[in-house]
């Protein structure tokens, strides 16, 4: 158990430092927003570019991994959406954001630092593959559902243009595409160009954890904790279980099985709390309060659930 704590403890100590920095007013919420923008606009794109550009394209486009992660995520998405819609009588928009909280992991801010400590050889490629599934498929799909429920269905063409416009302006997508282009061309960037990218990439893990802690410092849980419990359970328990099942099912659908490390990476990334921009996306639809409370509860409880997942992964997959 000590080896598991040696992985989870540093992650949550960094989150606690960020929390304490804002609670003690060493930094304010505005400073954390600036640090968050630094990670999203500079550090994470640099990290993704580095992870992808330095690998052969066949390793980057891992169809088995993407199929397993997407399949497990879509199963939980559908179950979470219909449970919220009919069992809890939520409207379409609320159900969409409940499902989003269950399947959109905090891959860059929490997942990658954990992979860096547990599976450093595949941490970068796991990050890149998850970012593709989440940013190109899951998030646009759920935002389209939320949009349809919020103000009536928009014309399909307008919704598609809005989605493509958002993707083209997304710095994470830009980093992914640039890395894919360099990998596909077989180029090797000279040292003076790669060194700044390496420096930005190396700063991602620590700063992202501080931002998570600082963001959580201003959250109040009162009043909606019961409402978000299914979302938290879906994210921390059912999402990793579904992805684990999907990785096991790959040979039965004609796809190559994953290596033990890649299978472990998929399960670990599915087990982390929901993404940091979850409340930001929900804000336009009036769902920010429940979203931020769900994120706080999931992040707090994930110390225990992630420890259990890491122990299980080490015992039965790796």
C-alpha atoms as a PDB file:
ATOM      1  CA  UNK A   1       0.000   0.000   0.000  1.00  0.00           C
ATOM      2  CA  UNK A   2       2.948   2.332   0.607  1.00  0.00           C
ATOM      3  CA  UNK A   3       3.856   2.243  -3.087  1.00  0.00           C
ATOM      4  CA  UNK A   4       0.302   3.388  -3.930  1.00  0.00           C
ATOM      5  CA  UNK A   5       0.519   6.233  -1.402  1.00  0.00           C
ATOM      6  CA  UNK A   6       3.847   7.258  -2.909  1.00  0.00           C
ATOM      7  CA  UNK A   7       1.904   7.942  -6.127  1.00  0.00           C
ATOM      8  CA  UNK A   8      -1.309   9.478  -4.811  1.00  0.00           C
ATOM      9  CA  UNK A   9       0.125  11.458  -1.883  1.00  0.00           C
ATOM     10  CA  UNK A  10       2.294  13.841  -3.990  1.00  0.00           C
ATOM     11  CA  UNK A  11      -0.659  14.541  -6.292  1.00  0.00           C
ATOM     12  CA  UNK A  12      -3.023  15.468  -3.481  1.00  0.00           C
ATOM     13  CA  UNK A  13      -0.346  17.316  -1.508  1.00  0.00           C
ATOM     14  CA  UNK A  14       0.114  19.590  -4.535  1.00  0.00           C
ATOM     15  CA  UNK A  15      -3.663  20.070  -4.756  1.00  0.00           C
ATOM     16  CA  UNK A  16      -3.716  20.870  -1.022  1.00  0.00           C
ATOM     17  CA  UNK A  17      -0.930  23.443  -1.492  1.00  0.00           C
ATOM     18  CA  UNK A  18      -3.010  25.171  -4.176  1.00  0.00           C
ATOM     19  CA  UNK A  19      -6.040  25.066  -1.886  1.00  0.00           C
ATOM     20  CA  UNK A  20      -4.043  26.544   1.013  1.00  0.00           C
ATOM     21  CA  UNK A  21      -2.512  29.236  -1.199  1.00  0.00           C
ATOM     22  CA  UNK A  22      -5.958  30.602  -2.073  1.00  0.00           C
ATOM     23  CA  UNK A  23      -7.530  29.997   1.351  1.00  0.00           C
ATOM     24  CA  UNK A  24      -4.693  31.934   3.026  1.00  0.00           C
ATOM     25  CA  UNK A  25      -4.967  34.667   0.357  1.00  0.00           C
ATOM     26  CA  UNK A  26      -1.381  34.152  -0.747  1.00  0.00           C
ATOM     27  CA  UNK A  27      -2.995  33.987  -4.198  1.00  0.00           C
ATOM     28  CA  UNK A  28      -6.493  35.038  -5.144  1.00  0.00           C
ATOM     29  CA  UNK A  29      -8.924  33.335  -7.513  1.00  0.00           C
ATOM     30  CA  UNK A  30      -7.879  35.657 -10.352  1.00  0.00           C
ATOM     31  CA  UNK A  31      -4.267  34.477 -10.061  1.00  0.00           C
ATOM     32  CA  UNK A  32      -5.407  30.868 -10.326  1.00  0.00           C
ATOM     33  CA  UNK A  33      -7.357  31.701 -13.479  1.00  0.00           C
ATOM     34  CA  UNK A  34      -4.182  33.148 -15.001  1.00  0.00           C
ATOM     35  CA  UNK A  35      -2.204  30.038 -14.073  1.00  0.00           C
ATOM     36  CA  UNK A  36      -4.999  27.909 -15.520  1.00  0.00           C
ATOM     37  CA  UNK A  37      -4.837  29.828 -18.799  1.00  0.00           C
ATOM     38  CA  UNK A  38      -1.074  29.308 -18.845  1.00  0.00           C
ATOM     39  CA  UNK A  39      -1.559  25.544 -18.577  1.00  0.00           C
ATOM     40  CA  UNK A  40      -4.342  25.371 -21.187  1.00  0.00           C
ATOM     41  CA  UNK A  41      -2.824  27.778 -23.725  1.00  0.00           C
ATOM     42  CA  UNK A  42       0.899  27.009 -23.371  1.00  0.00           C
ATOM     43  CA  UNK A  43       1.954  24.096 -21.157  1.00  0.00           C
ATOM     44  CA  UNK A  44      -0.559  21.432 -22.240  1.00  0.00           C
ATOM     45  CA  UNK A  45      -0.278  22.168 -25.994  1.00  0.00           C
ATOM     46  CA  UNK A  46       3.520  21.987 -25.656  1.00  0.00           C
ATOM     47  CA  UNK A  47       3.234  18.708 -23.757  1.00  0.00           C
ATOM     48  CA  UNK A  48       0.918  17.212 -26.379  1.00  0.00           C
ATOM     49  CA  UNK A  49       3.124  18.399 -29.229  1.00  0.00           C
ATOM     50  CA  UNK A  50       6.176  16.843 -27.578  1.00  0.00           C
ATOM     51  CA  UNK A  51       4.405  13.557 -26.801  1.00  0.00           C
ATOM     52  CA  UNK A  52       3.093  13.114 -30.350  1.00  0.00           C
ATOM     53  CA  UNK A  53       5.823  14.608 -32.533  1.00  0.00           C
ATOM     54  CA  UNK A  54       8.559  12.380 -31.104  1.00  0.00           C
ATOM     55  CA  UNK A  55       6.699   9.107 -31.801  1.00  0.00           C
ATOM     56  CA  UNK A  56       5.920   7.249 -35.047  1.00  0.00           C
ATOM     57  CA  UNK A  57       2.430   7.893 -36.363  1.00  0.00           C
ATOM     58  CA  UNK A  58       1.455   4.204 -35.978  1.00  0.00           C
ATOM     59  CA  UNK A  59       2.027   4.473 -32.231  1.00  0.00           C
ATOM     60  CA  UNK A  60       0.122   7.748 -31.972  1.00  0.00           C
ATOM     61  CA  UNK A  61      -3.004   6.583 -33.817  1.00  0.00           C
ATOM     62  CA  UNK A  62      -3.798   3.638 -31.537  1.00  0.00           C
ATOM     63  CA  UNK A  63      -7.241   2.621 -32.770  1.00  0.00           C
ATOM     64  CA  UNK A  64      -7.664  -0.113 -30.160  1.00  0.00           C
ATOM     65  CA  UNK A  65      -7.073   2.324 -27.313  1.00  0.00           C
ATOM     66  CA  UNK A  66      -9.377   4.979 -28.744  1.00  0.00           C
ATOM     67  CA  UNK A  67     -12.114   2.423 -29.502  1.00  0.00           C
ATOM     68  CA  UNK A  68     -11.973   0.985 -25.976  1.00  0.00           C
ATOM     69  CA  UNK A  69     -11.914   4.353 -24.247  1.00  0.00           C
ATOM     70  CA  UNK A  70     -14.646   5.782 -26.466  1.00  0.00           C
ATOM     71  CA  UNK A  71     -16.807   2.663 -26.185  1.00  0.00           C
ATOM     72  CA  UNK A  72     -16.619   2.569 -22.392  1.00  0.00           C
ATOM     73  CA  UNK A  73     -17.257   6.304 -22.193  1.00  0.00           C
ATOM     74  CA  UNK A  74     -20.282   6.198 -24.506  1.00  0.00           C
ATOM     75  CA  UNK A  75     -21.812   3.368 -22.467  1.00  0.00           C
ATOM     76  CA  UNK A  76     -21.537   5.410 -19.254  1.00  0.00           C
ATOM     77  CA  UNK A  77     -22.653   8.572 -21.070  1.00  0.00           C
ATOM     78  CA  UNK A  78     -25.847   6.896 -22.278  1.00  0.00           C
ATOM     79  CA  UNK A  79     -26.587   5.284 -18.910  1.00  0.00           C
ATOM     80  CA  UNK A  80     -25.900   8.524 -17.028  1.00  0.00           C
ATOM     81  CA  UNK A  81     -27.980  10.636 -19.404  1.00  0.00           C
ATOM     82  CA  UNK A  82     -31.029   8.370 -19.342  1.00  0.00           C
ATOM     83  CA  UNK A  83     -30.798   7.883 -15.570  1.00  0.00           C
ATOM     84  CA  UNK A  84     -30.786  11.659 -15.045  1.00  0.00           C
ATOM     85  CA  UNK A  85     -33.501  12.224 -17.635  1.00  0.00           C
ATOM     86  CA  UNK A  86     -36.022   9.647 -16.456  1.00  0.00           C
ATOM     87  CA  UNK A  87     -35.098   8.414 -12.981  1.00  0.00           C
ATOM     88  CA  UNK A  88     -34.219  11.879 -11.628  1.00  0.00           C
ATOM     89  CA  UNK A  89     -36.612  13.812 -13.941  1.00  0.00           C
ATOM     90  CA  UNK A  90     -33.844  16.225 -15.014  1.00  0.00           C
ATOM     91  CA  UNK A  91     -34.228  18.294 -18.177  1.00  0.00           C
ATOM     92  CA  UNK A  92     -32.124  17.509 -21.253  1.00  0.00           C
ATOM     93  CA  UNK A  93     -29.465  20.128 -20.504  1.00  0.00           C
ATOM     94  CA  UNK A  94     -29.039  19.038 -16.882  1.00  0.00           C
ATOM     95  CA  UNK A  95     -28.855  15.392 -17.978  1.00  0.00           C
ATOM     96  CA  UNK A  96     -26.203  16.244 -20.574  1.00  0.00           C
ATOM     97  CA  UNK A  97     -24.004  17.916 -17.968  1.00  0.00           C
ATOM     98  CA  UNK A  98     -24.531  15.073 -15.522  1.00  0.00           C
ATOM     99  CA  UNK A  99     -23.298  12.697 -18.237  1.00  0.00           C
ATOM    100  CA  UNK A 100     -20.402  15.025 -19.079  1.00  0.00           C
ATOM    101  CA  UNK A 101     -19.268  14.899 -15.464  1.00  0.00           C
ATOM    102  CA  UNK A 102     -19.239  11.102 -15.645  1.00  0.00           C
ATOM    103  CA  UNK A 103     -17.125  10.666 -18.798  1.00  0.00           C
ATOM    104  CA  UNK A 104     -14.904  13.732 -19.353  1.00  0.00           C
ATOM    105  CA  UNK A 105     -11.805  13.170 -17.227  1.00  0.00           C
ATOM    106  CA  UNK A 106      -9.348  15.736 -15.950  1.00  0.00           C
ATOM    107  CA  UNK A 107      -6.755  14.101 -18.172  1.00  0.00           C
ATOM    108  CA  UNK A 108      -4.321  16.995 -18.409  1.00  0.00           C
ATOM    109  CA  UNK A 109      -4.449  18.391 -14.877  1.00  0.00           C
ATOM    110  CA  UNK A 110      -4.680  15.189 -12.787  1.00  0.00           C
ATOM    111  CA  UNK A 111      -4.497  12.141 -15.072  1.00  0.00           C
ATOM    112  CA  UNK A 112      -1.192  12.996 -16.719  1.00  0.00           C
ATOM    113  CA  UNK A 113       0.655  13.698 -13.426  1.00  0.00           C
ATOM    114  CA  UNK A 114      -0.536  10.321 -12.099  1.00  0.00           C
ATOM    115  CA  UNK A 115       0.564   8.510 -15.266  1.00  0.00           C
ATOM    116  CA  UNK A 116       3.900  10.291 -15.044  1.00  0.00           C
ATOM    117  CA  UNK A 117       4.447   8.646 -11.649  1.00  0.00           C
ATOM    118  CA  UNK A 118       2.998   5.218 -12.499  1.00  0.00           C
ATOM    119  CA  UNK A 119       3.578   4.654 -16.230  1.00  0.00           C
ATOM    120  CA  UNK A 120       6.068   7.283 -17.446  1.00  0.00           C
ATOM    121  CA  UNK A 121       6.793   5.418 -20.697  1.00  0.00           C
ATOM    122  CA  UNK A 122       3.187   5.781 -21.921  1.00  0.00           C
ATOM    123  CA  UNK A 123       2.098   8.912 -20.028  1.00  0.00           C
ATOM    124  CA  UNK A 124       2.479  11.260 -22.996  1.00  0.00           C
ATOM    125  CA  UNK A 125       0.784   9.031 -25.534  1.00  0.00           C
ATOM    126  CA  UNK A 126      -2.053   8.199 -23.117  1.00  0.00           C
ATOM    127  CA  UNK A 127      -2.602  11.924 -22.608  1.00  0.00           C
ATOM    128  CA  UNK A 128      -2.680  12.561 -26.355  1.00  0.00           C
ATOM    129  CA  UNK A 129      -5.091   9.722 -27.146  1.00  0.00           C
ATOM    130  CA  UNK A 130      -7.481  10.746 -24.387  1.00  0.00           C
ATOM    131  CA  UNK A 131      -7.390  14.380 -25.474  1.00  0.00           C
ATOM    132  CA  UNK A 132      -8.395  13.333 -28.989  1.00  0.00           C
ATOM    133  CA  UNK A 133     -11.344  11.247 -27.782  1.00  0.00           C
ATOM    134  CA  UNK A 134     -12.526  13.883 -25.302  1.00  0.00           C
ATOM    135  CA  UNK A 135     -12.009  17.068 -27.315  1.00  0.00           C
ATOM    136  CA  UNK A 136     -13.050  15.811 -30.747  1.00  0.00           C
ATOM    137  CA  UNK A 137     -15.942  13.492 -29.828  1.00  0.00           C
ATOM    138  CA  UNK A 138     -17.216  13.508 -26.233  1.00  0.00           C
ATOM    139  CA  UNK A 139     -17.250  17.219 -25.381  1.00  0.00           C
ATOM    140  CA  UNK A 140     -18.731  18.416 -28.725  1.00  0.00           C
ATOM    141  CA  UNK A 141     -21.384  15.663 -28.570  1.00  0.00           C
ATOM    142  CA  UNK A 142     -22.482  16.569 -25.041  1.00  0.00           C
ATOM    143  CA  UNK A 143     -22.446  20.306 -25.735  1.00  0.00           C
ATOM    144  CA  UNK A 144     -24.673  19.705 -28.772  1.00  0.00           C
ATOM    145  CA  UNK A 145     -27.145  17.767 -26.586  1.00  0.00           C
ATOM    146  CA  UNK A 146     -27.061  20.512 -23.942  1.00  0.00           C
ATOM    147  CA  UNK A 147     -27.615  23.160 -26.627  1.00  0.00           C
ATOM    148  CA  UNK A 148     -30.598  21.275 -28.032  1.00  0.00           C
ATOM    149  CA  UNK A 149     -32.170  21.084 -24.591  1.00  0.00           C
ATOM    150  CA  UNK A 150     -31.416  24.676 -23.647  1.00  0.00           C
ATOM    151  CA  UNK A 151     -32.956  26.641 -26.461  1.00  0.00           C
ATOM    152  CA  UNK A 152     -34.507  24.220 -28.865  1.00  0.00           C
ATOM    153  CA  UNK A 153     -32.571  22.416 -31.580  1.00  0.00           C
ATOM    154  CA  UNK A 154     -30.315  24.698 -33.621  1.00  0.00           C
ATOM    155  CA  UNK A 155     -29.981  24.066 -37.350  1.00  0.00           C
ATOM    156  CA  UNK A 156     -27.535  21.205 -37.884  1.00  0.00           C
ATOM    157  CA  UNK A 157     -25.316  23.314 -40.142  1.00  0.00           C
ATOM    158  CA  UNK A 158     -24.998  26.118 -37.595  1.00  0.00           C
ATOM    159  CA  UNK A 159     -24.217  23.653 -34.800  1.00  0.00           C
ATOM    160  CA  UNK A 160     -21.557  21.950 -36.944  1.00  0.00           C
ATOM    161  CA  UNK A 161     -19.936  25.280 -37.842  1.00  0.00           C
ATOM    162  CA  UNK A 162     -19.914  26.328 -34.183  1.00  0.00           C
ATOM    163  CA  UNK A 163     -18.316  23.011 -33.178  1.00  0.00           C
ATOM    164  CA  UNK A 164     -15.638  23.193 -35.882  1.00  0.00           C
ATOM    165  CA  UNK A 165     -14.912  26.818 -35.022  1.00  0.00           C
ATOM    166  CA  UNK A 166     -14.430  25.873 -31.379  1.00  0.00           C
ATOM    167  CA  UNK A 167     -12.118  22.998 -32.277  1.00  0.00           C
ATOM    168  CA  UNK A 168      -9.971  25.136 -34.584  1.00  0.00           C
ATOM    169  CA  UNK A 169      -9.488  27.740 -31.835  1.00  0.00           C
ATOM    170  CA  UNK A 170      -8.765  25.168 -29.123  1.00  0.00           C
ATOM    171  CA  UNK A 171      -5.047  25.362 -28.211  1.00  0.00           C
ATOM    172  CA  UNK A 172      -5.083  21.706 -27.164  1.00  0.00           C
ATOM    173  CA  UNK A 173      -6.340  20.682 -30.616  1.00  0.00           C
ATOM    174  CA  UNK A 174      -3.724  22.942 -32.232  1.00  0.00           C
ATOM    175  CA  UNK A 175      -0.986  21.201 -30.224  1.00  0.00           C
ATOM    176  CA  UNK A 176      -2.374  17.791 -31.205  1.00  0.00           C
ATOM    177  CA  UNK A 177      -2.599  18.612 -34.908  1.00  0.00           C
ATOM    178  CA  UNK A 178       0.874  20.187 -34.998  1.00  0.00           C
ATOM    179  CA  UNK A 179       2.345  17.128 -33.280  1.00  0.00           C
ATOM    180  CA  UNK A 180       0.566  14.785 -35.699  1.00  0.00           C
ATOM    181  CA  UNK A 181       1.883  16.766 -38.678  1.00  0.00           C
ATOM    182  CA  UNK A 182       5.487  16.567 -37.449  1.00  0.00           C
ATOM    183  CA  UNK A 183       5.135  12.851 -36.644  1.00  0.00           C
ATOM    184  CA  UNK A 184       3.580  12.109 -40.038  1.00  0.00           C
ATOM    185  CA  UNK A 185       6.321  14.020 -41.857  1.00  0.00           C
ATOM    186  CA  UNK A 186       9.023  12.235 -39.880  1.00  0.00           C
ATOM    187  CA  UNK A 187      10.649  15.532 -38.940  1.00  0.00           C
ATOM    188  CA  UNK A 188      12.990  16.093 -36.020  1.00  0.00           C
ATOM    189  CA  UNK A 189      12.988  19.660 -34.755  1.00  0.00           C
ATOM    190  CA  UNK A 190      16.372  21.185 -33.894  1.00  0.00           C
ATOM    191  CA  UNK A 191      17.387  21.548 -30.253  1.00  0.00           C
ATOM    192  CA  UNK A 192      16.911  25.339 -30.020  1.00  0.00           C
ATOM    193  CA  UNK A 193      13.247  24.875 -31.029  1.00  0.00           C
ATOM    194  CA  UNK A 194      12.549  21.799 -28.895  1.00  0.00           C
ATOM    195  CA  UNK A 195      14.152  23.097 -25.694  1.00  0.00           C
ATOM    196  CA  UNK A 196      11.492  25.802 -25.010  1.00  0.00           C
ATOM    197  CA  UNK A 197       8.785  23.239 -25.790  1.00  0.00           C
ATOM    198  CA  UNK A 198      10.392  20.823 -23.321  1.00  0.00           C
ATOM    199  CA  UNK A 199      10.488  23.537 -20.649  1.00  0.00           C
ATOM    200  CA  UNK A 200       6.821  24.442 -21.131  1.00  0.00           C
ATOM    201  CA  UNK A 201       5.809  20.767 -21.136  1.00  0.00           C
ATOM    202  CA  UNK A 202       7.727  20.062 -17.923  1.00  0.00           C
ATOM    203  CA  UNK A 203       5.850  22.832 -16.100  1.00  0.00           C
ATOM    204  CA  UNK A 204       2.409  21.395 -16.841  1.00  0.00           C
ATOM    205  CA  UNK A 205       1.981  18.817 -14.071  1.00  0.00           C
ATOM    206  CA  UNK A 206       2.851  20.893 -10.987  1.00  0.00           C
ATOM    207  CA  UNK A 207       1.034  24.068 -12.026  1.00  0.00           C
ATOM    208  CA  UNK A 208      -2.091  22.204 -13.107  1.00  0.00           C
ATOM    209  CA  UNK A 209      -2.396  20.551  -9.681  1.00  0.00           C
ATOM    210  CA  UNK A 210      -1.982  23.904  -7.922  1.00  0.00           C
ATOM    211  CA  UNK A 211      -4.751  25.335 -10.117  1.00  0.00           C
ATOM    212  CA  UNK A 212      -7.112  22.482  -9.222  1.00  0.00           C
ATOM    213  CA  UNK A 213      -6.547  23.094  -5.504  1.00  0.00           C
ATOM    214  CA  UNK A 214      -6.910  26.854  -5.823  1.00  0.00           C
ATOM    215  CA  UNK A 215     -10.121  26.491  -7.815  1.00  0.00           C
ATOM    216  CA  UNK A 216     -11.659  24.199  -5.211  1.00  0.00           C
ATOM    217  CA  UNK A 217     -10.869  26.644  -2.382  1.00  0.00           C
ATOM    218  CA  UNK A 218     -13.831  28.884  -3.263  1.00  0.00           C
ATOM    219  CA  UNK A 219     -16.455  26.152  -3.698  1.00  0.00           C
ATOM    220  CA  UNK A 220     -19.431  25.792  -1.329  1.00  0.00           C
ATOM    221  CA  UNK A 221     -21.022  22.349  -1.098  1.00  0.00           C
ATOM    222  CA  UNK A 222     -24.227  23.196   0.770  1.00  0.00           C
ATOM    223  CA  UNK A 223     -27.548  22.431  -0.867  1.00  0.00           C
ATOM    224  CA  UNK A 224     -26.667  20.350  -3.919  1.00  0.00           C
ATOM    225  CA  UNK A 225     -24.432  17.532  -2.651  1.00  0.00           C
ATOM    226  CA  UNK A 226     -27.213  14.938  -2.981  1.00  0.00           C
ATOM    227  CA  UNK A 227     -28.036  16.059  -6.505  1.00  0.00           C
ATOM    228  CA  UNK A 228     -24.484  15.477  -7.749  1.00  0.00           C
ATOM    229  CA  UNK A 229     -23.909  12.106  -6.046  1.00  0.00           C
ATOM    230  CA  UNK A 230     -24.847  10.042  -9.162  1.00  0.00           C
ATOM    231  CA  UNK A 231     -22.457  12.109 -11.293  1.00  0.00           C
ATOM    232  CA  UNK A 232     -19.613  11.574  -8.821  1.00  0.00           C
ATOM    233  CA  UNK A 233     -20.305   7.828  -8.594  1.00  0.00           C
ATOM    234  CA  UNK A 234     -20.473   7.582 -12.376  1.00  0.00           C
ATOM    235  CA  UNK A 235     -17.111   9.275 -12.777  1.00  0.00           C
ATOM    236  CA  UNK A 236     -15.112   7.581 -10.034  1.00  0.00           C
ATOM    237  CA  UNK A 237     -16.617   4.077 -10.175  1.00  0.00           C
ATOM    238  CA  UNK A 238     -18.609   3.282 -13.311  1.00  0.00           C
ATOM    239  CA  UNK A 239     -16.416   5.043 -15.876  1.00  0.00           C
ATOM    240  CA  UNK A 240     -13.216   3.108 -15.021  1.00  0.00           C
ATOM    241  CA  UNK A 241     -15.215  -0.142 -14.784  1.00  0.00           C
ATOM    242  CA  UNK A 242     -16.729   0.440 -18.234  1.00  0.00           C
ATOM    243  CA  UNK A 243     -13.364   1.283 -19.802  1.00  0.00           C
ATOM    244  CA  UNK A 244     -11.807  -1.799 -18.175  1.00  0.00           C
ATOM    245  CA  UNK A 245     -14.593  -3.948 -19.659  1.00  0.00           C
ATOM    246  CA  UNK A 246     -14.156  -2.302 -23.067  1.00  0.00           C
ATOM    247  CA  UNK A 247     -10.408  -3.020 -23.106  1.00  0.00           C
ATOM    248  CA  UNK A 248     -11.137  -6.676 -22.287  1.00  0.00           C
ATOM    249  CA  UNK A 249     -13.682  -6.862 -25.129  1.00  0.00           C
ATOM    250  CA  UNK A 250     -11.324  -5.656 -27.883  1.00  0.00           C
ATOM    251  CA  UNK A 251     -10.389  -9.137 -29.244  1.00  0.00           C
ATOM    252  CA  UNK A 252     -14.080 -10.060 -29.466  1.00  0.00           C
ATOM    253  CA  UNK A 253     -14.775  -7.175 -31.873  1.00  0.00           C
ATOM    254  CA  UNK A 254     -11.770  -7.864 -34.095  1.00  0.00           C
ATOM    255  CA  UNK A 255      -9.380  -5.262 -32.659  1.00  0.00           C
ATOM    256  CA  UNK A 256      -5.873  -5.892 -31.385  1.00  0.00           C
ATOM    257  CA  UNK A 257      -5.584  -6.197 -27.597  1.00  0.00           C
ATOM    258  CA  UNK A 258      -3.803  -3.416 -25.747  1.00  0.00           C
ATOM    259  CA  UNK A 259      -0.484  -3.844 -24.014  1.00  0.00           C
ATOM    260  CA  UNK A 260      -0.710  -4.080 -20.230  1.00  0.00           C
ATOM    261  CA  UNK A 261       0.658  -0.538 -19.851  1.00  0.00           C
ATOM    262  CA  UNK A 262      -1.821   1.007 -22.293  1.00  0.00           C
ATOM    263  CA  UNK A 263      -4.725  -0.893 -20.755  1.00  0.00           C
ATOM    264  CA  UNK A 264      -3.674   0.314 -17.307  1.00  0.00           C
ATOM    265  CA  UNK A 265      -3.349   3.890 -18.606  1.00  0.00           C
ATOM    266  CA  UNK A 266      -6.896   3.816 -20.005  1.00  0.00           C
ATOM    267  CA  UNK A 267      -8.380   2.601 -16.717  1.00  0.00           C
ATOM    268  CA  UNK A 268      -6.395   5.100 -14.622  1.00  0.00           C
ATOM    269  CA  UNK A 269      -7.380   8.042 -16.826  1.00  0.00           C
ATOM    270  CA  UNK A 270     -11.033   6.988 -16.663  1.00  0.00           C
ATOM    271  CA  UNK A 271     -10.804   6.921 -12.850  1.00  0.00           C
ATOM    272  CA  UNK A 272      -9.686  10.528 -12.338  1.00  0.00           C
ATOM    273  CA  UNK A 273     -12.225  13.284 -11.500  1.00  0.00           C
ATOM    274  CA  UNK A 274     -13.983  15.345 -14.135  1.00  0.00           C
ATOM    275  CA  UNK A 275     -12.151  17.946 -16.220  1.00  0.00           C
ATOM    276  CA  UNK A 276     -11.291  21.351 -14.794  1.00  0.00           C
ATOM    277  CA  UNK A 277     -13.295  23.264 -17.425  1.00  0.00           C
ATOM    278  CA  UNK A 278     -16.469  21.338 -16.558  1.00  0.00           C
ATOM    279  CA  UNK A 279     -17.995  24.225 -14.533  1.00  0.00           C
ATOM    280  CA  UNK A 280     -16.900  26.747 -17.181  1.00  0.00           C
ATOM    281  CA  UNK A 281     -18.746  24.882 -19.938  1.00  0.00           C
ATOM    282  CA  UNK A 282     -21.780  24.520 -17.664  1.00  0.00           C
ATOM    283  CA  UNK A 283     -21.872  28.229 -16.799  1.00  0.00           C
ATOM    284  CA  UNK A 284     -23.501  29.314 -20.067  1.00  0.00           C
ATOM    285  CA  UNK A 285     -26.379  26.919 -19.364  1.00  0.00           C
ATOM    286  CA  UNK A 286     -26.840  27.889 -15.715  1.00  0.00           C
ATOM    287  CA  UNK A 287     -25.431  24.600 -14.398  1.00  0.00           C
ATOM    288  CA  UNK A 288     -22.168  25.921 -12.928  1.00  0.00           C
ATOM    289  CA  UNK A 289     -23.074  25.449  -9.246  1.00  0.00           C
ATOM    290  CA  UNK A 290     -23.899  21.754  -9.463  1.00  0.00           C
ATOM    291  CA  UNK A 291     -20.912  21.208 -11.762  1.00  0.00           C
ATOM    292  CA  UNK A 292     -18.375  22.816  -9.447  1.00  0.00           C
ATOM    293  CA  UNK A 293     -19.767  20.959  -6.406  1.00  0.00           C
ATOM    294  CA  UNK A 294     -19.569  17.672  -8.322  1.00  0.00           C
ATOM    295  CA  UNK A 295     -15.953  18.447  -9.201  1.00  0.00           C
ATOM    296  CA  UNK A 296     -15.100  19.237  -5.570  1.00  0.00           C
ATOM    297  CA  UNK A 297     -16.708  16.051  -4.252  1.00  0.00           C
ATOM    298  CA  UNK A 298     -15.120  13.893  -6.949  1.00  0.00           C
ATOM    299  CA  UNK A 299     -11.664  15.395  -6.443  1.00  0.00           C
ATOM    300  CA  UNK A 300     -11.856  14.894  -2.671  1.00  0.00           C
ATOM    301  CA  UNK A 301     -13.148  11.318  -2.858  1.00  0.00           C
ATOM    302  CA  UNK A 302     -10.743  10.379  -5.653  1.00  0.00           C
ATOM    303  CA  UNK A 303      -7.893  10.155  -3.138  1.00  0.00           C
ATOM    304  CA  UNK A 304      -9.541   6.938  -1.930  1.00  0.00           C
ATOM    305  CA  UNK A 305     -10.994   5.657  -5.211  1.00  0.00           C
ATOM    306  CA  UNK A 306      -7.805   6.308  -7.177  1.00  0.00           C
ATOM    307  CA  UNK A 307      -5.768   4.500  -4.545  1.00  0.00           C
ATOM    308  CA  UNK A 308      -8.102   1.510  -4.948  1.00  0.00           C
ATOM    309  CA  UNK A 309      -7.902   1.677  -8.756  1.00  0.00           C
ATOM    310  CA  UNK A 310      -4.100   1.916  -8.717  1.00  0.00           C
ATOM    311  CA  UNK A 311      -3.878  -1.086  -6.387  1.00  0.00           C
ATOM    312  CA  UNK A 312      -6.226  -3.076  -8.648  1.00  0.00           C
ATOM    313  CA  UNK A 313      -4.339  -2.079 -11.789  1.00  0.00           C
ATOM    314  CA  UNK A 314      -0.999  -3.087 -10.288  1.00  0.00           C
ATOM    315  CA  UNK A 315      -2.417  -6.397  -9.036  1.00  0.00           C
ATOM    316  CA  UNK A 316      -4.427  -7.510 -12.073  1.00  0.00           C
ATOM    317  CA  UNK A 317      -3.298  -5.620 -15.198  1.00  0.00           C
ATOM    318  CA  UNK A 318       0.362  -4.638 -14.979  1.00  0.00           C
END
